Amino acid sequence: MKKYILGIAAILLVSMSIVGTSWKAVEAPQTQQQAVKNIAADSLYNQYIQNLYHTAQLDSAGLNEEVFEKALTGFYNMKYSGLLHSKSILTIADFDQESCKKRLYIIDLDKKKLVLNTWVAHGQNSGGDKPSYFSNTPNSNQSSLGFYLTGEIYYGKHGRSLKLDGMDKGFNNNARERAIVVHGADYVCQETINQLGRLGRSQGCPAVAANLADKVIDAISDRTVLFINNSDQKYHSSFLNETLAANVALNQGEVLAAQMD
């Protein structure tokens, strides 16, 4: 019976892979045997994504499942590359959403728990309530899309702040040069939304509420993944290899553990 179900899943996934989605990385040609193994892994991985998405209650928090899938895929690709430390924290700033919505999600993947869901600002030249323009250029005052690694904690003009390293060349790799960091800001609050109909905007930093800055920084510091998303943009990344992500998650036991829950 299990073989029959896997066979049906394989056929369906092969059909789906022909259509594909625009954000997935292009993969090298495979042997038939390897392709079948990867399809089986992808099937389990997709079940794992759905399990984690619903267990962490990301649906009720307003995060789109496909955005979560992209971010999680990047997490496992970066983990495979040896870029991460021990914390299994994934942070998503979903700029498909307006700034007045709580569009920052900090997720503990090990505990399958949404640690914090709060506001996050975008760059002043990226748009009004909902950002439409993104840049990797210094002095653009726009947000930059893609995957980041959290860096050092330091004290600057915004108080305690967290440096970021952009990992996607052409999209956010100038983050250090542009001083794109996580910091607290007084304009990230309900009062500003009441006055302006939106949050205040940064010079490109993913700024958070001043009273939550320490909590956010403590949660995501030490080389964890931050993903800034906007689905309308022509964004691509070498970290969006879903087959690699599926095999990493499967080999490390996360996927199989999820099936037993």
C-alpha atoms as a PDB file:
ATOM      1  CA  MET A   1       0.000   0.000   0.000  1.00  0.00           C
ATOM      2  CA  LYS A   2       2.814   2.403   0.931  1.00  0.00           C
ATOM      3  CA  LYS A   3       4.546   1.641  -2.374  1.00  0.00           C
ATOM      4  CA  TYR A   4       1.298   2.328  -4.221  1.00  0.00           C
ATOM      5  CA  ILE A   5       0.830   5.683  -2.451  1.00  0.00           C
ATOM      6  CA  LEU A   6       4.427   6.690  -3.105  1.00  0.00           C
ATOM      7  CA  GLY A   7       3.981   5.710  -6.741  1.00  0.00           C
ATOM      8  CA  ILE A   8       0.926   7.927  -7.103  1.00  0.00           C
ATOM      9  CA  ALA A   9       2.739  10.748  -5.291  1.00  0.00           C
ATOM     10  CA  ALA A  10       5.701  10.339  -7.627  1.00  0.00           C
ATOM     11  CA  ILE A  11       3.483  10.624 -10.709  1.00  0.00           C
ATOM     12  CA  LEU A  12       1.760  13.716  -9.347  1.00  0.00           C
ATOM     13  CA  LEU A  13       5.013  15.353  -8.350  1.00  0.00           C
ATOM     14  CA  VAL A  14       6.591  14.664 -11.729  1.00  0.00           C
ATOM     15  CA  SER A  15       3.593  16.353 -13.355  1.00  0.00           C
ATOM     16  CA  MET A  16       3.859  19.303 -10.976  1.00  0.00           C
ATOM     17  CA  SER A  17       7.593  19.628 -11.568  1.00  0.00           C
ATOM     18  CA  ILE A  18       6.968  20.188 -15.269  1.00  0.00           C
ATOM     19  CA  VAL A  19       5.022  23.329 -14.399  1.00  0.00           C
ATOM     20  CA  GLY A  20       7.181  24.291 -11.421  1.00  0.00           C
ATOM     21  CA  THR A  21       7.221  27.652  -9.663  1.00  0.00           C
ATOM     22  CA  SER A  22       9.207  30.708 -10.606  1.00  0.00           C
ATOM     23  CA  TRP A  23      11.219  30.954  -7.396  1.00  0.00           C
ATOM     24  CA  LYS A  24      12.669  27.439  -7.379  1.00  0.00           C
ATOM     25  CA  ALA A  25      16.291  27.038  -8.362  1.00  0.00           C
ATOM     26  CA  VAL A  26      17.128  25.257 -11.610  1.00  0.00           C
ATOM     27  CA  GLU A  27      18.606  21.852 -10.827  1.00  0.00           C
ATOM     28  CA  ALA A  28      21.090  19.721 -12.720  1.00  0.00           C
ATOM     29  CA  PRO A  29      19.841  16.731 -14.792  1.00  0.00           C
ATOM     30  CA  GLN A  30      19.376  13.550 -12.743  1.00  0.00           C
ATOM     31  CA  THR A  31      19.418   9.826 -13.339  1.00  0.00           C
ATOM     32  CA  GLN A  32      16.002   8.134 -13.256  1.00  0.00           C
ATOM     33  CA  GLN A  33      16.805   6.398  -9.968  1.00  0.00           C
ATOM     34  CA  GLN A  34      17.967   9.626  -8.345  1.00  0.00           C
ATOM     35  CA  ALA A  35      14.924  11.470  -9.683  1.00  0.00           C
ATOM     36  CA  VAL A  36      12.580   8.915  -8.057  1.00  0.00           C
ATOM     37  CA  LYS A  37      14.436   9.223  -4.722  1.00  0.00           C
ATOM     38  CA  ASN A  38      14.232  12.998  -4.899  1.00  0.00           C
ATOM     39  CA  ILE A  39      10.513  12.904  -5.691  1.00  0.00           C
ATOM     40  CA  ALA A  40       9.901  10.718  -2.641  1.00  0.00           C
ATOM     41  CA  ALA A  41      11.976  13.100  -0.498  1.00  0.00           C
ATOM     42  CA  ASP A  42      10.114  16.101  -1.903  1.00  0.00           C
ATOM     43  CA  SER A  43       6.788  14.463  -1.068  1.00  0.00           C
ATOM     44  CA  LEU A  44       7.800  13.937   2.559  1.00  0.00           C
ATOM     45  CA  TYR A  45       9.290  17.434   2.664  1.00  0.00           C
ATOM     46  CA  ASN A  46       6.027  18.984   1.461  1.00  0.00           C
ATOM     47  CA  GLN A  47       4.144  17.120   4.193  1.00  0.00           C
ATOM     48  CA  TYR A  48       6.710  18.374   6.702  1.00  0.00           C
ATOM     49  CA  ILE A  49       6.237  21.980   5.515  1.00  0.00           C
ATOM     50  CA  GLN A  50       2.461  21.730   5.912  1.00  0.00           C
ATOM     51  CA  ASN A  51       2.781  20.102   9.336  1.00  0.00           C
ATOM     52  CA  LEU A  52       5.175  22.775  10.576  1.00  0.00           C
ATOM     53  CA  TYR A  53       3.138  25.587   9.027  1.00  0.00           C
ATOM     54  CA  HIS A  54      -0.068  24.545  10.792  1.00  0.00           C
ATOM     55  CA  THR A  55       1.520  23.416  14.083  1.00  0.00           C
ATOM     56  CA  ALA A  56       3.242  26.798  14.469  1.00  0.00           C
ATOM     57  CA  GLN A  57      -0.106  28.434  13.609  1.00  0.00           C
ATOM     58  CA  LEU A  58       1.464  30.493  10.847  1.00  0.00           C
ATOM     59  CA  ASP A  59      -1.779  30.348   8.884  1.00  0.00           C
ATOM     60  CA  SER A  60      -3.744  32.136  11.587  1.00  0.00           C
ATOM     61  CA  ALA A  61      -0.868  34.624  11.975  1.00  0.00           C
ATOM     62  CA  GLY A  62      -1.306  35.652   8.336  1.00  0.00           C
ATOM     63  CA  LEU A  63       1.815  34.173   6.719  1.00  0.00           C
ATOM     64  CA  ASN A  64       1.283  32.697   3.262  1.00  0.00           C
ATOM     65  CA  GLU A  65       2.352  29.035   3.060  1.00  0.00           C
ATOM     66  CA  GLU A  66       4.333  29.518  -0.159  1.00  0.00           C
ATOM     67  CA  VAL A  67       6.320  32.341   1.444  1.00  0.00           C
ATOM     68  CA  PHE A  68       7.072  30.051   4.375  1.00  0.00           C
ATOM     69  CA  GLU A  69       8.121  27.296   1.977  1.00  0.00           C
ATOM     70  CA  LYS A  70      10.568  29.634   0.243  1.00  0.00           C
ATOM     71  CA  ALA A  71      12.075  30.774   3.527  1.00  0.00           C
ATOM     72  CA  LEU A  72      12.341  27.235   4.934  1.00  0.00           C
ATOM     73  CA  THR A  73      13.972  26.000   1.725  1.00  0.00           C
ATOM     74  CA  GLY A  74      16.576  28.753   2.035  1.00  0.00           C
ATOM     75  CA  PHE A  75      17.145  27.826   5.672  1.00  0.00           C
ATOM     76  CA  TYR A  76      18.016  24.225   4.785  1.00  0.00           C
ATOM     77  CA  ASN A  77      20.188  25.249   1.850  1.00  0.00           C
ATOM     78  CA  MET A  78      22.138  27.589   4.103  1.00  0.00           C
ATOM     79  CA  LYS A  79      22.363  24.913   6.779  1.00  0.00           C
ATOM     80  CA  TYR A  80      23.777  22.489   4.202  1.00  0.00           C
ATOM     81  CA  SER A  81      26.368  25.119   3.236  1.00  0.00           C
ATOM     82  CA  GLY A  82      27.605  25.269   6.844  1.00  0.00           C
ATOM     83  CA  LEU A  83      26.593  28.907   7.248  1.00  0.00           C
ATOM     84  CA  LEU A  84      24.463  28.507  10.373  1.00  0.00           C
ATOM     85  CA  HIS A  85      25.270  27.983  14.022  1.00  0.00           C
ATOM     86  CA  SER A  86      23.184  25.885  16.398  1.00  0.00           C
ATOM     87  CA  LYS A  87      19.977  27.964  16.677  1.00  0.00           C
ATOM     88  CA  SER A  88      17.131  26.707  14.478  1.00  0.00           C
ATOM     89  CA  ILE A  89      15.508  30.124  14.184  1.00  0.00           C
ATOM     90  CA  LEU A  90      13.968  31.336  10.934  1.00  0.00           C
ATOM     91  CA  THR A  91      12.813  34.946  10.584  1.00  0.00           C
ATOM     92  CA  ILE A  92      10.583  36.136   7.747  1.00  0.00           C
ATOM     93  CA  ALA A  93       9.779  39.742   6.850  1.00  0.00           C
ATOM     94  CA  ASP A  94       6.911  39.349   4.406  1.00  0.00           C
ATOM     95  CA  PHE A  95       6.783  42.497   2.291  1.00  0.00           C
ATOM     96  CA  ASP A  96       3.854  41.119   0.322  1.00  0.00           C
ATOM     97  CA  GLN A  97       1.914  42.563   3.252  1.00  0.00           C
ATOM     98  CA  GLU A  98       1.224  46.181   4.174  1.00  0.00           C
ATOM     99  CA  SER A  99       3.289  47.785   6.935  1.00  0.00           C
ATOM    100  CA  CYS A 100       0.270  48.186   9.215  1.00  0.00           C
ATOM    101  CA  LYS A 101       0.097  44.383   9.454  1.00  0.00           C
ATOM    102  CA  LYS A 102       2.332  42.360  11.743  1.00  0.00           C
ATOM    103  CA  ARG A 103       4.448  40.897   8.955  1.00  0.00           C
ATOM    104  CA  LEU A 104       7.604  39.866  10.846  1.00  0.00           C
ATOM    105  CA  TYR A 105       7.599  36.217  11.909  1.00  0.00           C
ATOM    106  CA  ILE A 106      10.258  34.686  14.167  1.00  0.00           C
ATOM    107  CA  ILE A 107       9.887  30.906  14.136  1.00  0.00           C
ATOM    108  CA  ASP A 108      11.606  28.271  16.281  1.00  0.00           C
ATOM    109  CA  LEU A 109      11.780  25.323  13.894  1.00  0.00           C
ATOM    110  CA  ASP A 110      12.840  22.813  16.545  1.00  0.00           C
ATOM    111  CA  LYS A 111       9.921  23.691  18.821  1.00  0.00           C
ATOM    112  CA  LYS A 112       7.534  24.267  15.873  1.00  0.00           C
ATOM    113  CA  LYS A 113       6.568  27.519  17.518  1.00  0.00           C
ATOM    114  CA  LEU A 114       5.979  31.098  16.426  1.00  0.00           C
ATOM    115  CA  VAL A 115       8.196  32.977  18.886  1.00  0.00           C
ATOM    116  CA  LEU A 116       7.123  36.480  17.873  1.00  0.00           C
ATOM    117  CA  ASN A 117       4.848  38.103  15.302  1.00  0.00           C
ATOM    118  CA  THR A 118       5.202  41.868  15.092  1.00  0.00           C
ATOM    119  CA  TRP A 119       5.602  44.928  12.888  1.00  0.00           C
ATOM    120  CA  VAL A 120       8.651  45.616  10.736  1.00  0.00           C
ATOM    121  CA  ALA A 121       9.401  48.717   8.687  1.00  0.00           C
ATOM    122  CA  HIS A 122      10.590  48.930   5.093  1.00  0.00           C
ATOM    123  CA  GLY A 123      12.715  51.563   3.354  1.00  0.00           C
ATOM    124  CA  GLN A 124      11.268  55.015   2.714  1.00  0.00           C
ATOM    125  CA  ASN A 125      11.898  54.802  -1.034  1.00  0.00           C
ATOM    126  CA  SER A 126      10.376  51.330  -1.299  1.00  0.00           C
ATOM    127  CA  GLY A 127       6.818  52.633  -1.146  1.00  0.00           C
ATOM    128  CA  GLY A 128       4.080  53.815   1.189  1.00  0.00           C
ATOM    129  CA  ASP A 129       2.148  51.258   3.207  1.00  0.00           C
ATOM    130  CA  LYS A 130       3.108  48.379   0.909  1.00  0.00           C
ATOM    131  CA  PRO A 131       6.610  48.289  -0.625  1.00  0.00           C
ATOM    132  CA  SER A 132       6.997  47.939  -4.393  1.00  0.00           C
ATOM    133  CA  TYR A 133      10.588  49.017  -5.034  1.00  0.00           C
ATOM    134  CA  PHE A 134      13.728  47.263  -3.828  1.00  0.00           C
ATOM    135  CA  SER A 135      17.411  47.975  -4.282  1.00  0.00           C
ATOM    136  CA  ASN A 136      20.883  46.745  -3.397  1.00  0.00           C
ATOM    137  CA  THR A 137      22.391  50.167  -4.167  1.00  0.00           C
ATOM    138  CA  PRO A 138      24.011  52.330  -1.450  1.00  0.00           C
ATOM    139  CA  ASN A 139      22.053  55.458  -0.517  1.00  0.00           C
ATOM    140  CA  SER A 140      18.910  54.166  -2.258  1.00  0.00           C
ATOM    141  CA  ASN A 141      16.964  54.133   1.044  1.00  0.00           C
ATOM    142  CA  GLN A 142      15.138  51.075  -0.254  1.00  0.00           C
ATOM    143  CA  SER A 143      14.765  47.636   1.280  1.00  0.00           C
ATOM    144  CA  SER A 144      16.665  44.690  -0.187  1.00  0.00           C
ATOM    145  CA  LEU A 145      15.127  41.277  -0.830  1.00  0.00           C
ATOM    146  CA  GLY A 146      16.535  37.867  -0.083  1.00  0.00           C
ATOM    147  CA  PHE A 147      18.353  35.784   2.496  1.00  0.00           C
ATOM    148  CA  TYR A 148      20.477  37.286   5.256  1.00  0.00           C
ATOM    149  CA  LEU A 149      22.599  35.906   8.061  1.00  0.00           C
ATOM    150  CA  THR A 150      22.463  37.762  11.354  1.00  0.00           C
ATOM    151  CA  GLY A 151      25.821  39.127  12.450  1.00  0.00           C
ATOM    152  CA  GLU A 152      27.248  41.012  15.426  1.00  0.00           C
ATOM    153  CA  ILE A 153      25.341  42.908  18.072  1.00  0.00           C
ATOM    154  CA  TYR A 154      26.576  46.487  18.494  1.00  0.00           C
ATOM    155  CA  TYR A 155      25.494  49.827  19.926  1.00  0.00           C
ATOM    156  CA  GLY A 156      24.869  52.608  17.398  1.00  0.00           C
ATOM    157  CA  LYS A 157      22.684  55.662  16.868  1.00  0.00           C
ATOM    158  CA  HIS A 158      19.591  53.498  17.291  1.00  0.00           C
ATOM    159  CA  GLY A 159      20.896  51.832  20.444  1.00  0.00           C
ATOM    160  CA  ARG A 160      21.437  48.085  20.573  1.00  0.00           C
ATOM    161  CA  SER A 161      21.357  46.814  16.982  1.00  0.00           C
ATOM    162  CA  LEU A 162      22.155  43.702  14.950  1.00  0.00           C
ATOM    163  CA  LYS A 163      24.279  43.648  11.804  1.00  0.00           C
ATOM    164  CA  LEU A 164      23.175  41.669   8.755  1.00  0.00           C
ATOM    165  CA  ASP A 165      25.075  39.945   5.952  1.00  0.00           C
ATOM    166  CA  GLY A 166      23.201  39.757   2.656  1.00  0.00           C
ATOM    167  CA  MET A 167      23.743  36.375   1.011  1.00  0.00           C
ATOM    168  CA  ASP A 168      22.139  36.953  -2.407  1.00  0.00           C
ATOM    169  CA  LYS A 169      24.483  38.608  -4.882  1.00  0.00           C
ATOM    170  CA  GLY A 170      22.815  41.388  -6.802  1.00  0.00           C
ATOM    171  CA  PHE A 171      19.899  41.569  -4.371  1.00  0.00           C
ATOM    172  CA  ASN A 172      21.271  42.256  -0.887  1.00  0.00           C
ATOM    173  CA  ASN A 173      25.018  41.603  -0.782  1.00  0.00           C
ATOM    174  CA  ASN A 174      25.711  45.309  -0.145  1.00  0.00           C
ATOM    175  CA  ALA A 175      23.945  45.151   3.225  1.00  0.00           C
ATOM    176  CA  ARG A 176      27.160  45.745   5.184  1.00  0.00           C
ATOM    177  CA  GLU A 177      28.203  48.673   3.003  1.00  0.00           C
ATOM    178  CA  ARG A 178      24.703  50.150   3.302  1.00  0.00           C
ATOM    179  CA  ALA A 179      24.582  49.594   7.096  1.00  0.00           C
ATOM    180  CA  ILE A 180      21.380  47.562   6.782  1.00  0.00           C
ATOM    181  CA  VAL A 181      20.746  46.329  10.324  1.00  0.00           C
ATOM    182  CA  VAL A 182      17.961  45.289  12.680  1.00  0.00           C
ATOM    183  CA  HIS A 183      17.270  48.117  15.142  1.00  0.00           C
ATOM    184  CA  GLY A 184      14.478  49.588  17.192  1.00  0.00           C
ATOM    185  CA  ALA A 185      12.591  52.667  16.026  1.00  0.00           C
ATOM    186  CA  ASP A 186       9.947  54.862  17.648  1.00  0.00           C
ATOM    187  CA  TYR A 187       8.034  55.077  14.349  1.00  0.00           C
ATOM    188  CA  VAL A 188       7.266  51.327  14.434  1.00  0.00           C
ATOM    189  CA  CYS A 189       4.164  51.418  16.623  1.00  0.00           C
ATOM    190  CA  GLN A 190       0.370  51.582  16.647  1.00  0.00           C
ATOM    191  CA  GLU A 191       0.418  55.343  17.247  1.00  0.00           C
ATOM    192  CA  THR A 192       2.213  55.945  13.943  1.00  0.00           C
ATOM    193  CA  ILE A 193      -0.259  53.701  12.129  1.00  0.00           C
ATOM    194  CA  ASN A 194      -3.106  55.682  13.676  1.00  0.00           C
ATOM    195  CA  GLN A 195      -1.560  58.968  12.531  1.00  0.00           C
ATOM    196  CA  LEU A 196      -0.307  58.020   9.060  1.00  0.00           C
ATOM    197  CA  GLY A 197      -2.271  54.918   8.130  1.00  0.00           C
ATOM    198  CA  ARG A 198       1.036  53.044   7.935  1.00  0.00           C
ATOM    199  CA  LEU A 199       4.278  52.544   9.846  1.00  0.00           C
ATOM    200  CA  GLY A 200       7.105  55.000   9.611  1.00  0.00           C
ATOM    201  CA  ARG A 201       9.856  53.988   7.207  1.00  0.00           C
ATOM    202  CA  SER A 202      13.580  53.387   7.545  1.00  0.00           C
ATOM    203  CA  GLN A 203      16.562  54.011   5.278  1.00  0.00           C
ATOM    204  CA  GLY A 204      16.338  50.391   4.196  1.00  0.00           C
ATOM    205  CA  CYS A 205      16.672  48.607   7.525  1.00  0.00           C
ATOM    206  CA  PRO A 206      14.112  46.097   8.808  1.00  0.00           C
ATOM    207  CA  ALA A 207      13.392  48.264  11.859  1.00  0.00           C
ATOM    208  CA  VAL A 208      11.197  46.942  14.677  1.00  0.00           C
ATOM    209  CA  ALA A 209       9.346  48.496  17.614  1.00  0.00           C
ATOM    210  CA  ALA A 210      11.750  50.125  20.083  1.00  0.00           C
ATOM    211  CA  ASN A 211      10.263  48.262  23.049  1.00  0.00           C
ATOM    212  CA  LEU A 212      10.733  44.904  21.274  1.00  0.00           C
ATOM    213  CA  ALA A 213      14.195  45.471  19.789  1.00  0.00           C
ATOM    214  CA  ASP A 214      16.096  43.622  22.520  1.00  0.00           C
ATOM    215  CA  LYS A 215      13.695  40.662  22.379  1.00  0.00           C
ATOM    216  CA  VAL A 216      14.002  40.437  18.581  1.00  0.00           C
ATOM    217  CA  ILE A 217      17.783  40.780  18.607  1.00  0.00           C
ATOM    218  CA  ASP A 218      18.235  38.179  21.347  1.00  0.00           C
ATOM    219  CA  ALA A 219      15.975  35.737  19.488  1.00  0.00           C
ATOM    220  CA  ILE A 220      17.610  35.989  16.051  1.00  0.00           C
ATOM    221  CA  SER A 221      21.274  36.760  16.812  1.00  0.00           C
ATOM    222  CA  ASP A 222      24.161  34.329  16.229  1.00  0.00           C
ATOM    223  CA  ARG A 223      24.029  33.490  12.519  1.00  0.00           C
ATOM    224  CA  THR A 224      20.360  32.708  11.994  1.00  0.00           C
ATOM    225  CA  VAL A 225      18.406  33.186   8.769  1.00  0.00           C
ATOM    226  CA  LEU A 226      16.377  36.288   7.948  1.00  0.00           C
ATOM    227  CA  PHE A 227      14.380  36.193   4.706  1.00  0.00           C
ATOM    228  CA  ILE A 228      12.876  39.377   3.257  1.00  0.00           C
ATOM    229  CA  ASN A 229      10.176  38.473   0.761  1.00  0.00           C
ATOM    230  CA  ASN A 230       8.223  40.167  -1.989  1.00  0.00           C
ATOM    231  CA  SER A 231       6.593  37.816  -4.480  1.00  0.00           C
ATOM    232  CA  ASP A 232       5.970  40.458  -7.149  1.00  0.00           C
ATOM    233  CA  GLN A 233       9.667  40.974  -7.804  1.00  0.00           C
ATOM    234  CA  LYS A 234      11.963  39.057 -10.156  1.00  0.00           C
ATOM    235  CA  TYR A 235      13.944  37.537  -7.325  1.00  0.00           C
ATOM    236  CA  HIS A 236      15.981  34.356  -7.577  1.00  0.00           C
ATOM    237  CA  SER A 237      18.508  32.712  -5.295  1.00  0.00           C
ATOM    238  CA  SER A 238      20.938  29.821  -5.261  1.00  0.00           C
ATOM    239  CA  PHE A 239      19.475  28.962  -1.848  1.00  0.00           C
ATOM    240  CA  LEU A 240      16.084  28.004  -3.304  1.00  0.00           C
ATOM    241  CA  ASN A 241      17.020  24.459  -4.294  1.00  0.00           C
ATOM    242  CA  GLU A 242      14.024  22.557  -2.917  1.00  0.00           C
ATOM    243  CA  THR A 243      15.399  19.075  -3.643  1.00  0.00           C
ATOM    244  CA  LEU A 244      18.549  19.851  -1.664  1.00  0.00           C
ATOM    245  CA  ALA A 245      16.454  21.259   1.187  1.00  0.00           C
ATOM    246  CA  ALA A 246      14.267  18.135   1.212  1.00  0.00           C
ATOM    247  CA  ASN A 247      17.264  15.812   1.410  1.00  0.00           C
ATOM    248  CA  VAL A 248      18.946  17.855   4.144  1.00  0.00           C
ATOM    249  CA  ALA A 249      15.772  17.868   6.252  1.00  0.00           C
ATOM    250  CA  LEU A 250      15.230  14.143   5.611  1.00  0.00           C
ATOM    251  CA  ASN A 251      18.813  13.174   6.436  1.00  0.00           C
ATOM    252  CA  GLN A 252      18.726  15.133   9.686  1.00  0.00           C
ATOM    253  CA  GLY A 253      15.521  13.472  10.816  1.00  0.00           C
ATOM    254  CA  GLU A 254      13.249  16.526  10.898  1.00  0.00           C
ATOM    255  CA  VAL A 255      10.939  15.205   8.202  1.00  0.00           C
ATOM    256  CA  LEU A 256      10.600  11.682   9.591  1.00  0.00           C
ATOM    257  CA  ALA A 257      10.050  13.031  13.101  1.00  0.00           C
ATOM    258  CA  ALA A 258       7.223  15.166  11.774  1.00  0.00           C
ATOM    259  CA  GLN A 259       5.524  12.110  10.248  1.00  0.00           C
ATOM    260  CA  MET A 260       5.495  10.447  13.675  1.00  0.00           C
ATOM    261  CA  ASP A 261       3.879  13.401  15.475  1.00  0.00           C
END
